[in-house]
C-alpha atoms as a PDB file:
ATOM      1  CA  MET A   1     -59.731-270.165-230.135  1.00  0.00           C
ATOM      2  CA  SER A   2     -61.648-272.788-228.165  1.00  0.00           C
ATOM      3  CA  LEU A   3     -62.694-274.458-231.426  1.00  0.00           C
ATOM      4  CA  VAL A   4     -59.072-274.541-232.573  1.00  0.00           C
ATOM      5  CA  VAL A   5     -58.020-276.180-229.297  1.00  0.00           C
ATOM      6  CA  LEU A   6     -60.776-278.778-229.555  1.00  0.00           C
ATOM      7  CA  ALA A   7     -59.941-279.446-233.201  1.00  0.00           C
ATOM      8  CA  ALA A   8     -56.296-280.000-232.232  1.00  0.00           C
ATOM      9  CA  ALA A   9     -57.360-282.961-230.102  1.00  0.00           C
ATOM     10  CA  VAL A  10     -58.394-284.886-233.237  1.00  0.00           C
ATOM     11  CA  PRO A  11     -54.907-285.124-234.790  1.00  0.00           C
ATOM     12  CA  GLY A  12     -53.704-285.743-231.251  1.00  0.00           C
ATOM     13  CA  LEU A  13     -55.821-288.907-231.153  1.00  0.00           C
ATOM     14  CA  ILE A  14     -54.367-290.020-234.478  1.00  0.00           C
ATOM     15  CA  ALA A  15     -50.807-289.236-233.353  1.00  0.00           C
ATOM     16  CA  GLY A  16     -51.470-291.169-230.148  1.00  0.00           C
ATOM     17  CA  ALA A  17     -52.356-294.255-232.181  1.00  0.00           C
ATOM     18  CA  TYR A  18     -48.972-294.046-233.912  1.00  0.00           C
ATOM     19  CA  ALA A  19     -47.216-293.479-230.570  1.00  0.00           C
ATOM     20  CA  ARG A  20     -48.899-296.572-229.163  1.00  0.00           C
ATOM     21  CA  ALA A  21     -47.813-298.619-232.192  1.00  0.00           C
ATOM     22  CA  VAL A  22     -44.201-297.535-231.701  1.00  0.00           C
ATOM     23  CA  ALA A  23     -44.268-298.160-227.948  1.00  0.00           C
ATOM     24  CA  ALA A  24     -45.678-301.663-228.357  1.00  0.00           C
ATOM     25  CA  GLN A  25     -42.519-302.807-230.141  1.00  0.00           C
ATOM     26  CA  PHE A  26     -40.104-302.028-227.321  1.00  0.00           C
ATOM     27  CA  ALA A  27     -39.385-304.893-224.928  1.00  0.00           C
ATOM     28  CA  ALA A  28     -37.774-304.895-221.499  1.00  0.00           C
ATOM     29  CA  ARG A  29     -34.471-305.740-223.188  1.00  0.00           C
ATOM     30  CA  PRO A  30     -33.405-304.498-226.635  1.00  0.00           C
ATOM     31  CA  GLY A  31     -32.830-308.069-227.809  1.00  0.00           C
ATOM     32  CA  GLY A  32     -36.206-309.297-226.592  1.00  0.00           C
ATOM     33  CA  GLU A  33     -39.268-309.870-228.745  1.00  0.00           C
ATOM     34  CA  PRO A  34     -42.506-308.284-227.498  1.00  0.00           C
ATOM     35  CA  ASP A  35     -45.647-310.382-227.478  1.00  0.00           C
ATOM     36  CA  ASP A  36     -49.062-309.158-228.624  1.00  0.00           C
ATOM     37  CA  ARG A  37     -49.337-306.889-225.579  1.00  0.00           C
ATOM     38  CA  GLY A  38     -45.853-305.448-226.130  1.00  0.00           C
ATOM     39  CA  GLU A  39     -44.369-307.476-223.265  1.00  0.00           C
ATOM     40  CA  ASP A  40     -40.930-309.059-223.472  1.00  0.00           C
ATOM     41  CA  ARG A  41     -41.435-312.804-223.864  1.00  0.00           C
ATOM     42  CA  ASP A  42     -38.034-313.622-222.374  1.00  0.00           C
ATOM     43  CA  ASP A  43     -37.923-311.205-219.467  1.00  0.00           C
ATOM     44  CA  ARG A  44     -41.480-310.218-218.622  1.00  0.00           C
ATOM     45  CA  GLU A  45     -40.972-310.464-214.878  1.00  0.00           C
ATOM     46  CA  ASN A  46     -37.745-308.493-214.564  1.00  0.00           C
ATOM     47  CA  ARG A  47     -38.490-304.899-215.450  1.00  0.00           C
ATOM     48  CA  GLY A  48     -35.329-303.506-213.894  1.00  0.00           C
ATOM     49  CA  GLU A  49     -33.042-305.299-216.346  1.00  0.00           C
ATOM     50  CA  GLY A  50     -34.341-303.039-219.089  1.00  0.00           C
ATOM     51  CA  ARG A  51     -32.991-299.775-217.681  1.00  0.00           C
ATOM     52  CA  GLU A  52     -31.073-297.729-220.235  1.00  0.00           C
ATOM     53  CA  ASP A  53     -27.975-297.622-218.034  1.00  0.00           C
ATOM     54  CA  ARG A  54     -27.269-301.290-218.819  1.00  0.00           C
ATOM     55  CA  GLY A  55     -24.742-302.255-221.482  1.00  0.00           C
ATOM     56  CA  GLU A  56     -26.987-303.402-224.310  1.00  0.00           C
ATOM     57  CA  GLY A  57     -25.551-304.049-227.763  1.00  0.00           C
ATOM     58  CA  ARG A  58     -25.880-301.505-230.516  1.00  0.00           C
ATOM     59  CA  GLU A  59     -27.233-304.054-232.960  1.00  0.00           C
ATOM     60  CA  ASP A  60     -30.098-304.923-230.617  1.00  0.00           C
ATOM     61  CA  HIS A  61     -30.967-301.226-230.369  1.00  0.00           C
ATOM     62  CA  ARG A  62     -30.969-300.841-234.139  1.00  0.00           C
ATOM     63  CA  LYS A  63     -33.089-303.930-234.648  1.00  0.00           C
ATOM     64  CA  GLU A  64     -35.548-302.717-232.039  1.00  0.00           C
ATOM     65  CA  ALA A  65     -35.772-299.233-233.567  1.00  0.00           C
ATOM     66  CA  ARG A  66     -36.333-300.616-237.080  1.00  0.00           C
ATOM     67  CA  ARG A  67     -39.067-302.884-235.791  1.00  0.00           C
ATOM     68  CA  ALA A  68     -40.772-300.069-233.884  1.00  0.00           C
ATOM     69  CA  PHE A  69     -40.868-297.547-236.691  1.00  0.00           C
ATOM     70  CA  ALA A  70     -41.847-300.182-239.245  1.00  0.00           C
ATOM     71  CA  ALA A  71     -44.801-301.030-237.003  1.00  0.00           C
ATOM     72  CA  ALA A  72     -45.760-297.352-236.899  1.00  0.00           C
ATOM     73  CA  ALA A  73     -45.625-297.140-240.691  1.00  0.00           C
ATOM     74  CA  ARG A  74     -48.005-300.102-240.937  1.00  0.00           C
ATOM     75  CA  ALA A  75     -50.302-298.910-238.152  1.00  0.00           C
ATOM     76  CA  VAL A  76     -53.896-297.960-238.796  1.00  0.00           C
ATOM     77  CA  PRO A  77     -54.221-294.572-237.043  1.00  0.00           C
ATOM     78  CA  LEU A  78     -57.364-295.383-235.106  1.00  0.00           C
ATOM     79  CA  PRO A  79     -57.635-295.272-231.294  1.00  0.00           C
ATOM     80  CA  ARG A  80     -57.984-298.647-229.599  1.00  0.00           C
ATOM     81  CA  PRO A  81     -59.083-299.603-226.073  1.00  0.00           C
ATOM     82  CA  PRO A  82     -58.183-298.687-223.413  1.00  0.00           C
ATOM     83  CA  TYR A  83     -57.491-295.378-225.232  1.00  0.00           C
ATOM     84  CA  VAL A  84     -55.013-294.194-222.591  1.00  0.00           C
ATOM     85  CA  VAL A  85     -52.127-293.287-224.906  1.00  0.00           C
ATOM     86  CA  GLU A  86     -54.423-291.771-227.512  1.00  0.00           C
ATOM     87  CA  GLY A  87     -56.414-289.794-224.934  1.00  0.00           C
ATOM     88  CA  ALA A  88     -53.308-288.472-223.199  1.00  0.00           C
ATOM     89  CA  THR A  89     -51.788-287.437-226.530  1.00  0.00           C
ATOM     90  CA  ALA A  90     -54.992-285.647-227.551  1.00  0.00           C
ATOM     91  CA  LEU A  91     -55.184-283.745-224.262  1.00  0.00           C
ATOM     92  CA  ALA A  92     -51.510-282.799-224.393  1.00  0.00           C
ATOM     93  CA  THR A  93     -51.864-281.611-227.999  1.00  0.00           C
ATOM     94  CA  ALA A  94     -54.835-279.428-227.091  1.00  0.00           C
ATOM     95  CA  LEU A  95     -52.929-278.022-224.090  1.00  0.00           C
ATOM     96  CA  VAL A  96     -49.933-277.069-226.241  1.00  0.00           C
ATOM     97  CA  ILE A  97     -52.117-275.360-228.857  1.00  0.00           C
ATOM     98  CA  TRP A  98     -53.910-273.474-226.076  1.00  0.00           C
ATOM     99  CA  ARG A  99     -50.911-272.309-224.058  1.00  0.00           C
ATOM    100  CA  VAL A 100     -47.973-272.047-226.510  1.00  0.00           C
ATOM    101  CA  HIS A 101     -48.140-269.357-229.180  1.00  0.00           C
ATOM    102  CA  ASP A 102     -44.789-269.090-230.969  1.00  0.00           C
ATOM    103  CA  GLY A 103     -45.048-271.145-234.164  1.00  0.00           C
ATOM    104  CA  TRP A 104     -41.672-272.890-234.031  1.00  0.00           C
ATOM    105  CA  VAL A 105     -41.941-273.541-230.297  1.00  0.00           C
ATOM    106  CA  VAL A 106     -45.393-275.034-230.919  1.00  0.00           C
ATOM    107  CA  ALA A 107     -43.890-277.309-233.568  1.00  0.00           C
ATOM    108  CA  ALA A 108     -41.198-278.481-231.144  1.00  0.00           C
ATOM    109  CA  TRP A 109     -43.757-279.154-228.423  1.00  0.00           C
ATOM    110  CA  LEU A 110     -46.089-281.022-230.783  1.00  0.00           C
ATOM    111  CA  TYR A 111     -43.227-283.302-231.803  1.00  0.00           C
ATOM    112  CA  ALA A 112     -42.397-283.759-228.126  1.00  0.00           C
ATOM    113  CA  VAL A 113     -46.005-284.657-227.293  1.00  0.00           C
ATOM    114  CA  VAL A 114     -45.946-287.613-229.692  1.00  0.00           C
ATOM    115  CA  ALA A 115     -42.442-288.739-228.736  1.00  0.00           C
ATOM    116  CA  GLY A 116     -43.272-288.253-225.051  1.00  0.00           C
ATOM    117  CA  ALA A 117     -46.439-290.338-225.325  1.00  0.00           C
ATOM    118  CA  ALA A 118     -44.414-293.214-226.758  1.00  0.00           C
ATOM    119  CA  LEU A 119     -41.679-292.804-224.123  1.00  0.00           C
ATOM    120  CA  ALA A 120     -44.151-292.684-221.238  1.00  0.00           C
ATOM    121  CA  GLU A 121     -45.851-295.873-222.403  1.00  0.00           C
ATOM    122  CA  ILE A 122     -42.541-297.649-222.975  1.00  0.00           C
ATOM    123  CA  ASP A 123     -41.199-296.625-219.560  1.00  0.00           C
ATOM    124  CA  ARG A 124     -44.445-297.554-217.809  1.00  0.00           C
ATOM    125  CA  ARG A 125     -44.346-301.031-219.288  1.00  0.00           C
ATOM    126  CA  THR A 126     -40.649-301.861-219.603  1.00  0.00           C
ATOM    127  CA  TRP A 127     -38.803-299.413-217.289  1.00  0.00           C
ATOM    128  CA  ARG A 128     -36.825-298.097-220.270  1.00  0.00           C
ATOM    129  CA  LEU A 129     -36.453-294.788-222.085  1.00  0.00           C
ATOM    130  CA  PRO A 130     -34.805-296.040-225.278  1.00  0.00           C
ATOM    131  CA  ASP A 131     -32.038-294.179-227.072  1.00  0.00           C
ATOM    132  CA  ALA A 132     -33.847-294.828-230.352  1.00  0.00           C
ATOM    133  CA  ILE A 133     -36.275-292.064-229.368  1.00  0.00           C
ATOM    134  CA  THR A 134     -34.406-289.845-226.899  1.00  0.00           C
ATOM    135  CA  LEU A 135     -31.168-289.300-228.829  1.00  0.00           C
ATOM    136  CA  PRO A 136     -32.652-288.343-232.239  1.00  0.00           C
ATOM    137  CA  SER A 137     -35.013-286.008-230.401  1.00  0.00           C
ATOM    138  CA  TYR A 138     -32.114-283.702-229.536  1.00  0.00           C
ATOM    139  CA  PRO A 139     -31.248-282.623-233.115  1.00  0.00           C
ATOM    140  CA  ILE A 140     -34.939-282.566-234.052  1.00  0.00           C
ATOM    141  CA  LEU A 141     -35.805-280.186-231.203  1.00  0.00           C
ATOM    142  CA  LEU A 142     -32.732-278.038-231.802  1.00  0.00           C
ATOM    143  CA  ALA A 143     -33.664-277.685-235.472  1.00  0.00           C
ATOM    144  CA  LEU A 144     -37.245-276.740-234.613  1.00  0.00           C
ATOM    145  CA  LEU A 145     -36.277-274.276-231.888  1.00  0.00           C
ATOM    146  CA  ALA A 146     -33.469-272.558-233.826  1.00  0.00           C
ATOM    147  CA  PRO A 147     -35.762-270.267-235.901  1.00  0.00           C
ATOM    148  CA  SER A 148     -37.751-269.277-232.810  1.00  0.00           C
ATOM    149  CA  GLY A 149     -35.022-267.088-231.352  1.00  0.00           C
ATOM    150  CA  ARG A 150     -35.267-269.096-228.125  1.00  0.00           C
ATOM    151  CA  LEU A 151     -32.466-271.544-228.828  1.00  0.00           C
ATOM    152  CA  LEU A 152     -29.894-270.142-226.386  1.00  0.00           C
ATOM    153  CA  PRO A 153     -32.181-270.112-223.322  1.00  0.00           C
ATOM    154  CA  ALA A 154     -33.463-273.534-224.366  1.00  0.00           C
ATOM    155  CA  LEU A 155     -29.907-274.886-224.510  1.00  0.00           C
ATOM    156  CA  ALA A 156     -29.062-273.359-221.133  1.00  0.00           C
ATOM    157  CA  ALA A 157     -32.159-274.874-219.531  1.00  0.00           C
ATOM    158  CA  GLY A 158     -31.533-278.240-221.159  1.00  0.00           C
ATOM    159  CA  CYS A 159     -27.986-278.344-219.831  1.00  0.00           C
ATOM    160  CA  ALA A 160     -29.119-277.211-216.374  1.00  0.00           C
ATOM    161  CA  LEU A 161     -31.944-279.711-215.942  1.00  0.00           C
ATOM    162  CA  GLY A 162     -29.873-282.491-217.480  1.00  0.00           C
ATOM    163  CA  ALA A 163     -27.051-281.694-215.041  1.00  0.00           C
ATOM    164  CA  VAL A 164     -29.433-281.805-212.069  1.00  0.00           C
ATOM    165  CA  TYR A 165     -30.657-285.247-213.077  1.00  0.00           C
ATOM    166  CA  ALA A 166     -27.102-286.401-213.776  1.00  0.00           C
ATOM    167  CA  VAL A 167     -26.211-285.519-210.184  1.00  0.00           C
ATOM    168  CA  LEU A 168     -29.299-287.366-208.924  1.00  0.00           C
ATOM    169  CA  TRP A 169     -28.364-290.407-211.023  1.00  0.00           C
ATOM    170  CA  PHE A 170     -24.775-290.311-209.744  1.00  0.00           C
ATOM    171  CA  ALA A 171     -25.996-290.069-206.139  1.00  0.00           C
ATOM    172  CA  ARG A 172     -28.512-292.917-206.499  1.00  0.00           C
ATOM    173  CA  PRO A 173     -28.105-294.873-209.750  1.00  0.00           C
ATOM    174  CA  THR A 174     -30.639-297.497-208.654  1.00  0.00           C
ATOM    175  CA  GLY A 175     -33.357-294.849-208.452  1.00  0.00           C
ATOM    176  CA  LEU A 176     -32.799-293.253-211.856  1.00  0.00           C
ATOM    177  CA  GLY A 177     -31.541-294.552-215.165  1.00  0.00           C
ATOM    178  CA  LEU A 178     -29.431-292.716-217.711  1.00  0.00           C
ATOM    179  CA  GLY A 179     -32.558-292.621-219.848  1.00  0.00           C
ATOM    180  CA  ASP A 180     -34.078-290.309-217.227  1.00  0.00           C
ATOM    181  CA  VAL A 181     -31.043-288.025-217.498  1.00  0.00           C
ATOM    182  CA  LYS A 182     -31.382-287.856-221.295  1.00  0.00           C
ATOM    183  CA  LEU A 183     -35.088-287.166-220.972  1.00  0.00           C
ATOM    184  CA  ALA A 184     -34.387-284.363-218.493  1.00  0.00           C
ATOM    185  CA  GLY A 185     -32.202-282.639-221.073  1.00  0.00           C
ATOM    186  CA  LEU A 186     -35.037-282.778-223.598  1.00  0.00           C
ATOM    187  CA  ILE A 187     -37.540-281.399-221.102  1.00  0.00           C
ATOM    188  CA  GLY A 188     -35.109-278.606-220.284  1.00  0.00           C
ATOM    189  CA  LEU A 189     -34.827-277.695-223.977  1.00  0.00           C
ATOM    190  CA  LEU A 190     -38.588-277.533-224.381  1.00  0.00           C
ATOM    191  CA  THR A 191     -39.383-275.650-221.196  1.00  0.00           C
ATOM    192  CA  GLY A 192     -36.396-273.349-221.601  1.00  0.00           C
ATOM    193  CA  ALA A 193     -38.019-272.075-224.788  1.00  0.00           C
ATOM    194  CA  LEU A 194     -40.953-270.998-222.603  1.00  0.00           C
ATOM    195  CA  GLY A 195     -38.798-269.348-219.950  1.00  0.00           C
ATOM    196  CA  ALA A 196     -36.536-270.263-217.054  1.00  0.00           C
ATOM    197  CA  GLN A 197     -39.443-270.427-214.619  1.00  0.00           C
ATOM    198  CA  ALA A 198     -41.148-273.041-216.782  1.00  0.00           C
ATOM    199  CA  THR A 199     -38.063-275.243-216.456  1.00  0.00           C
ATOM    200  CA  VAL A 200     -38.152-274.883-212.680  1.00  0.00           C
ATOM    201  CA  VAL A 201     -41.881-275.703-212.644  1.00  0.00           C
ATOM    202  CA  ALA A 202     -41.325-278.786-214.816  1.00  0.00           C
ATOM    203  CA  GLY A 203     -38.511-280.092-212.625  1.00  0.00           C
ATOM    204  CA  MET A 204     -40.386-279.546-209.385  1.00  0.00           C
ATOM    205  CA  ALA A 205     -43.714-280.826-210.721  1.00  0.00           C
ATOM    206  CA  GLY A 206     -42.151-284.074-211.909  1.00  0.00           C
ATOM    207  CA  GLN A 207     -40.620-284.700-208.497  1.00  0.00           C
ATOM    208  CA  ILE A 208     -43.851-283.808-206.663  1.00  0.00           C
ATOM    209  CA  LEU A 209     -46.005-286.024-208.884  1.00  0.00           C
ATOM    210  CA  GLY A 210     -43.607-288.922-208.418  1.00  0.00           C
ATOM    211  CA  ALA A 211     -43.586-288.382-204.642  1.00  0.00           C
ATOM    212  CA  LEU A 212     -47.388-288.291-204.516  1.00  0.00           C
ATOM    213  CA  TYR A 213     -47.559-291.555-206.462  1.00  0.00           C
ATOM    214  CA  ALA A 214     -45.066-293.164-204.094  1.00  0.00           C
ATOM    215  CA  LEU A 215     -47.049-291.883-201.095  1.00  0.00           C
ATOM    216  CA  GLY A 216     -50.228-293.348-202.561  1.00  0.00           C
ATOM    217  CA  LEU A 217     -48.541-296.737-202.962  1.00  0.00           C
ATOM    218  CA  LEU A 218     -47.332-296.603-199.362  1.00  0.00           C
ATOM    219  CA  LEU A 219     -50.743-295.655-197.998  1.00  0.00           C
ATOM    220  CA  ALA A 220     -52.346-298.454-200.010  1.00  0.00           C
ATOM    221  CA  ARG A 221     -49.677-300.823-198.670  1.00  0.00           C
ATOM    222  CA  ARG A 222     -48.705-301.770-202.191  1.00  0.00           C
ATOM    223  CA  ALA A 223     -45.087-300.684-201.744  1.00  0.00           C
ATOM    224  CA  THR A 224     -42.304-300.044-199.253  1.00  0.00           C
ATOM    225  CA  ARG A 225     -39.831-297.187-199.012  1.00  0.00           C
ATOM    226  CA  ALA A 226     -37.420-299.248-201.106  1.00  0.00           C
ATOM    227  CA  THR A 227     -39.905-299.835-203.926  1.00  0.00           C
ATOM    228  CA  GLU A 228     -38.889-298.373-207.288  1.00  0.00           C
ATOM    229  CA  PHE A 229     -41.086-297.378-210.204  1.00  0.00           C
ATOM    230  CA  PRO A 230     -40.525-295.867-213.650  1.00  0.00           C
ATOM    231  CA  PHE A 231     -40.078-292.132-213.287  1.00  0.00           C
ATOM    232  CA  GLY A 232     -40.245-291.015-216.924  1.00  0.00           C
ATOM    233  CA  PRO A 233     -44.047-290.619-217.030  1.00  0.00           C
ATOM    234  CA  PHE A 234     -43.919-288.258-214.049  1.00  0.00           C
ATOM    235  CA  MET A 235     -41.152-286.184-215.624  1.00  0.00           C
ATOM    236  CA  LEU A 236     -43.234-285.851-218.784  1.00  0.00           C
ATOM    237  CA  ALA A 237     -46.347-284.977-216.793  1.00  0.00           C
ATOM    238  CA  GLY A 238     -44.314-282.324-214.994  1.00  0.00           C
ATOM    239  CA  ALA A 239     -43.399-280.812-218.365  1.00  0.00           C
ATOM    240  CA  LEU A 240     -47.104-280.511-219.213  1.00  0.00           C
ATOM    241  CA  VAL A 241     -47.725-278.835-215.857  1.00  0.00           C
ATOM    242  CA  ALA A 242     -45.099-276.287-216.904  1.00  0.00           C
ATOM    243  CA  VAL A 243     -47.025-275.666-220.141  1.00  0.00           C
ATOM    244  CA  ALA A 244     -50.256-275.117-218.229  1.00  0.00           C
ATOM    245  CA  PHE A 245     -48.676-273.059-215.422  1.00  0.00           C
ATOM    246  CA  PRO A 246     -45.320-271.752-216.649  1.00  0.00           C
ATOM    247  CA  GLY A 247     -44.901-269.532-213.605  1.00  0.00           C
ATOM    248  CA  THR A 248     -44.648-266.362-215.632  1.00  0.00           C
END
């Protein structure tokens, strides 16, 4: 089993290279053009304008999605420095193979690992969780989870966690974007297939990891209590904590 887990990290590295290629094409605004580092040439300094709860045009979203997935199709699947996206994807892939055992649930989680790696990198850099990835992920995950026999609890958990984040967004829309709410629904689907306790662990772990990061910034005097930061990576990390320690 340990050899299987280690071997799973290899395709994880390759998948991470594709995730990085997709992420590099998303700018802080859907209409913006990323430079060689994936930064928005027109709005590099204003990360907050890229939140998914802004009213961007549909055509800009479509153009951005076409550009991103075309870049992935052309990408050479080799890790590149600093290897962060590729390394994280490899580790997450190995974790899923180690801890998840139902075949269809594994398939759903492996898809989510690649999509999540791209989303985390996009959110870290642009403060966005684009619809081009989050919305199609719903039917993909539902289709993968349906044969597992875990679809109903997954749907219930997805609705519950999505509702919790919707309330948080409504209470403080400057602290969360609608992209975070959509991501919460996806995390609920995935963790609900593992059990209700896994969903609770994922939700709590994401909040705790985000709070620890904020505390670290405060202690280092690099932020104030009003400082905001992209929360998607912490939500996704919380989901992986739920895989490792589902609470069951």
